[in-house]
């Protein structure tokens, strides 16, 4: 990965859990590509990756305030991780 690409990608140590505003779905944010305006998420089953536009994602989803650790545990605060 070159320097320009590395600067555009934000990999998160703890995955933020987001809930769909109108459906019983949750997603976990995996990677954010700021320059491309895309976000990679793990779907509700946490097994499939999906690319969404940042604009559409923030329109349809809202943060739950919870985070998932790398081993799949959900915590209410990063202090609990």
N, C-alpha and C. Protein backbone atom coordinates (compact mmCIF):
# COMPACT_ATOMS: atom_id res chain seq x y z
N UNK A 1 0.85 -1.17 0.00
CA UNK A 1 0.00 0.00 0.00
C UNK A 1 0.90 1.24 0.00
N UNK A 2 0.71 2.12 -0.98
CA UNK A 2 1.56 3.31 -1.03
C UNK A 2 1.10 4.35 -0.01
N UNK A 3 1.88 5.40 0.13
CA UNK A 3 1.61 6.41 1.15
C UNK A 3 0.28 7.11 0.92
N UNK A 4 -0.06 7.41 -0.34
CA UNK A 4 -1.32 8.08 -0.63
C UNK A 4 -2.51 7.21 -0.26
N UNK A 5 -2.43 5.93 -0.57
CA UNK A 5 -3.52 5.02 -0.24
C UNK A 5 -3.65 4.87 1.27
N UNK A 6 -2.53 4.75 1.95
CA UNK A 6 -2.55 4.58 3.40
C UNK A 6 -3.22 5.78 4.08
N UNK A 7 -2.99 6.97 3.56
CA UNK A 7 -3.58 8.17 4.16
C UNK A 7 -5.09 8.21 3.94
N UNK A 8 -5.57 7.58 2.88
CA UNK A 8 -6.99 7.61 2.56
C UNK A 8 -7.80 6.57 3.32
N UNK A 9 -7.14 5.56 3.86
CA UNK A 9 -7.82 4.47 4.54
C UNK A 9 -7.73 4.66 6.05
N UNK A 10 -8.85 4.53 6.71
CA UNK A 10 -8.88 4.60 8.16
C UNK A 10 -9.31 3.24 8.68
N UNK A 11 -8.38 2.49 9.27
CA UNK A 11 -8.72 1.20 9.87
C UNK A 11 -8.94 1.42 11.36
N UNK A 12 -10.03 0.92 11.85
CA UNK A 12 -10.42 1.18 13.22
C UNK A 12 -10.08 -0.01 14.12
N UNK A 13 -9.44 0.23 15.28
CA UNK A 13 -9.09 -0.87 16.17
C UNK A 13 -10.32 -1.51 16.82
N UNK A 14 -11.33 -0.73 17.04
CA UNK A 14 -12.60 -1.23 17.56
C UNK A 14 -13.66 -0.87 16.55
N UNK A 15 -14.52 -1.80 16.25
CA UNK A 15 -15.52 -1.61 15.20
C UNK A 15 -16.78 -0.99 15.79
N UNK A 16 -17.19 0.13 15.25
CA UNK A 16 -18.38 0.84 15.69
C UNK A 16 -19.63 0.12 15.17
N UNK A 17 -20.60 -0.11 16.06
CA UNK A 17 -21.84 -0.79 15.69
C UNK A 17 -22.89 0.27 15.34
N UNK A 18 -23.52 0.11 14.17
CA UNK A 18 -24.54 1.03 13.70
C UNK A 18 -25.83 0.28 13.46
N UNK A 19 -26.97 0.94 13.67
CA UNK A 19 -28.30 0.34 13.52
C UNK A 19 -29.04 1.07 12.39
N UNK A 20 -29.75 0.28 11.57
CA UNK A 20 -30.57 0.86 10.50
C UNK A 20 -31.71 1.65 11.14
N UNK A 21 -32.05 2.78 10.56
CA UNK A 21 -33.06 3.66 11.14
C UNK A 21 -34.48 3.11 11.01
N UNK A 22 -34.73 2.23 10.00
CA UNK A 22 -36.09 1.74 9.79
C UNK A 22 -36.22 0.22 9.79
N UNK A 23 -35.11 -0.50 9.81
CA UNK A 23 -35.14 -1.96 9.75
C UNK A 23 -34.36 -2.54 10.93
N UNK A 24 -34.66 -3.78 11.31
CA UNK A 24 -33.93 -4.40 12.43
C UNK A 24 -32.58 -4.97 11.99
N UNK A 25 -31.71 -4.11 11.50
CA UNK A 25 -30.39 -4.51 11.03
C UNK A 25 -29.30 -3.76 11.77
N UNK A 26 -28.18 -4.41 11.99
CA UNK A 26 -27.00 -3.72 12.50
C UNK A 26 -25.83 -4.03 11.58
N UNK A 27 -24.90 -3.11 11.52
CA UNK A 27 -23.67 -3.27 10.76
C UNK A 27 -22.51 -2.87 11.65
N UNK A 28 -21.35 -3.40 11.32
CA UNK A 28 -20.13 -3.01 12.02
C UNK A 28 -19.20 -2.36 11.01
N UNK A 29 -18.76 -1.15 11.31
CA UNK A 29 -17.85 -0.43 10.41
C UNK A 29 -16.49 -1.11 10.45
N UNK A 30 -15.98 -1.47 9.27
CA UNK A 30 -14.70 -2.17 9.17
C UNK A 30 -13.60 -1.21 8.73
N UNK A 31 -13.79 -0.55 7.59
CA UNK A 31 -12.80 0.37 7.03
C UNK A 31 -13.52 1.55 6.40
N UNK A 32 -12.94 2.73 6.51
CA UNK A 32 -13.48 3.93 5.87
C UNK A 32 -12.48 4.40 4.82
N UNK A 33 -12.95 4.55 3.58
CA UNK A 33 -12.14 5.11 2.48
C UNK A 33 -12.63 6.53 2.25
N UNK A 34 -12.01 7.49 2.90
CA UNK A 34 -12.46 8.88 2.80
C UNK A 34 -12.37 9.41 1.38
N UNK A 35 -11.24 9.16 0.70
CA UNK A 35 -11.04 9.72 -0.64
C UNK A 35 -12.04 9.19 -1.65
N UNK A 36 -12.47 7.94 -1.48
CA UNK A 36 -13.44 7.34 -2.41
C UNK A 36 -14.88 7.56 -1.94
N UNK A 37 -15.05 8.06 -0.74
CA UNK A 37 -16.40 8.28 -0.21
C UNK A 37 -17.13 6.99 0.07
N UNK A 38 -16.37 5.94 0.43
CA UNK A 38 -16.97 4.64 0.68
C UNK A 38 -16.62 4.13 2.07
N UNK A 39 -17.45 3.25 2.55
CA UNK A 39 -17.25 2.63 3.84
C UNK A 39 -17.47 1.13 3.68
N UNK A 40 -16.59 0.33 4.28
CA UNK A 40 -16.74 -1.12 4.23
C UNK A 40 -17.31 -1.57 5.57
N UNK A 41 -18.38 -2.34 5.50
CA UNK A 41 -19.04 -2.79 6.72
C UNK A 41 -19.17 -4.31 6.72
N UNK A 42 -19.27 -4.86 7.92
CA UNK A 42 -19.64 -6.26 8.09
C UNK A 42 -21.14 -6.29 8.28
N UNK A 43 -21.82 -7.16 7.54
CA UNK A 43 -23.28 -7.21 7.61
C UNK A 43 -23.76 -7.79 8.92
N UNK A 44 -25.07 -7.85 9.07
CA UNK A 44 -25.72 -8.28 10.30
C UNK A 44 -25.19 -9.60 10.84
N UNK A 45 -24.83 -10.53 9.95
CA UNK A 45 -24.31 -11.83 10.40
C UNK A 45 -22.82 -11.76 10.73
N UNK A 46 -22.19 -10.62 10.49
CA UNK A 46 -20.78 -10.37 10.77
C UNK A 46 -19.83 -11.23 9.93
N UNK A 47 -20.34 -11.82 8.83
CA UNK A 47 -19.51 -12.66 8.00
C UNK A 47 -19.30 -12.11 6.60
N UNK A 48 -20.14 -11.21 6.14
CA UNK A 48 -20.04 -10.71 4.77
C UNK A 48 -19.66 -9.24 4.77
N UNK A 49 -18.70 -8.91 3.92
CA UNK A 49 -18.28 -7.52 3.75
C UNK A 49 -19.14 -6.87 2.68
N UNK A 50 -19.44 -5.61 2.87
CA UNK A 50 -20.27 -4.87 1.93
C UNK A 50 -19.72 -3.45 1.84
N UNK A 51 -19.70 -2.89 0.63
CA UNK A 51 -19.27 -1.50 0.43
C UNK A 51 -20.51 -0.62 0.30
N UNK A 52 -20.53 0.48 1.01
CA UNK A 52 -21.61 1.46 0.93
C UNK A 52 -21.00 2.84 0.75
N UNK A 53 -21.78 3.75 0.16
CA UNK A 53 -21.31 5.13 0.12
C UNK A 53 -21.44 5.71 1.52
N UNK A 54 -20.52 6.58 1.88
CA UNK A 54 -20.58 7.20 3.21
C UNK A 54 -21.87 8.01 3.34
N UNK A 55 -22.26 8.69 2.27
CA UNK A 55 -23.48 9.51 2.29
C UNK A 55 -24.72 8.64 2.55
N UNK A 56 -24.86 7.54 1.82
CA UNK A 56 -26.00 6.65 2.01
C UNK A 56 -25.98 5.96 3.36
N UNK A 57 -24.79 5.59 3.80
CA UNK A 57 -24.65 4.92 5.09
C UNK A 57 -25.12 5.83 6.22
N UNK A 58 -24.65 7.07 6.23
CA UNK A 58 -25.04 7.98 7.31
C UNK A 58 -26.50 8.41 7.20
N UNK A 59 -27.08 8.32 6.00
CA UNK A 59 -28.50 8.63 5.83
C UNK A 59 -29.37 7.52 6.44
N UNK A 60 -28.97 6.25 6.24
CA UNK A 60 -29.80 5.11 6.63
C UNK A 60 -29.46 4.50 7.98
N UNK A 61 -28.28 4.77 8.51
CA UNK A 61 -27.85 4.14 9.76
C UNK A 61 -27.49 5.18 10.81
N UNK A 62 -27.59 4.78 12.08
CA UNK A 62 -27.21 5.66 13.18
C UNK A 62 -26.35 4.85 14.16
N UNK A 63 -25.41 5.51 14.83
CA UNK A 63 -24.54 4.78 15.76
C UNK A 63 -25.32 4.31 16.99
N UNK A 64 -24.98 3.13 17.47
CA UNK A 64 -25.61 2.61 18.69
C UNK A 64 -24.87 3.04 19.93
N UNK A 65 -23.64 3.51 19.76
CA UNK A 65 -22.80 3.85 20.90
C UNK A 65 -22.02 2.65 21.42
N UNK A 66 -22.22 1.49 20.76
CA UNK A 66 -21.51 0.28 21.15
C UNK A 66 -20.38 0.00 20.18
N UNK A 67 -19.43 -0.82 20.63
CA UNK A 67 -18.28 -1.21 19.82
C UNK A 67 -18.09 -2.71 19.92
N UNK A 68 -17.52 -3.29 18.87
CA UNK A 68 -17.14 -4.70 18.91
C UNK A 68 -15.62 -4.78 18.90
N UNK A 69 -15.10 -5.64 19.75
CA UNK A 69 -13.66 -5.86 19.81
C UNK A 69 -13.27 -6.87 18.74
N UNK A 70 -11.98 -7.05 18.53
CA UNK A 70 -11.50 -7.96 17.48
C UNK A 70 -11.94 -9.40 17.72
N UNK A 71 -12.24 -9.76 18.97
CA UNK A 71 -12.70 -11.12 19.24
C UNK A 71 -14.22 -11.24 19.23
N UNK A 72 -14.92 -10.18 18.78
CA UNK A 72 -16.36 -10.24 18.59
C UNK A 72 -17.23 -9.88 19.78
N UNK A 73 -16.62 -9.44 20.88
CA UNK A 73 -17.41 -9.03 22.05
C UNK A 73 -17.92 -7.61 21.85
N UNK A 74 -19.15 -7.36 22.24
CA UNK A 74 -19.74 -6.04 22.16
C UNK A 74 -19.58 -5.35 23.51
N UNK A 75 -19.09 -4.12 23.47
CA UNK A 75 -18.91 -3.34 24.70
C UNK A 75 -19.62 -2.00 24.53
N UNK A 76 -20.06 -1.44 25.64
CA UNK A 76 -20.76 -0.15 25.62
C UNK A 76 -19.82 1.03 25.62
N UNK A 77 -18.57 0.79 25.95
CA UNK A 77 -17.59 1.85 26.02
C UNK A 77 -16.22 1.27 25.71
N UNK A 78 -15.35 2.04 25.12
CA UNK A 78 -14.00 1.56 24.85
C UNK A 78 -13.24 1.33 26.15
N UNK A 79 -13.70 1.93 27.25
CA UNK A 79 -13.08 1.67 28.55
C UNK A 79 -13.33 0.23 29.01
N UNK A 80 -14.42 -0.38 28.50
CA UNK A 80 -14.76 -1.76 28.86
C UNK A 80 -14.00 -2.79 28.03
N UNK A 81 -13.35 -2.34 26.95
CA UNK A 81 -12.69 -3.28 26.02
C UNK A 81 -11.43 -3.87 26.62
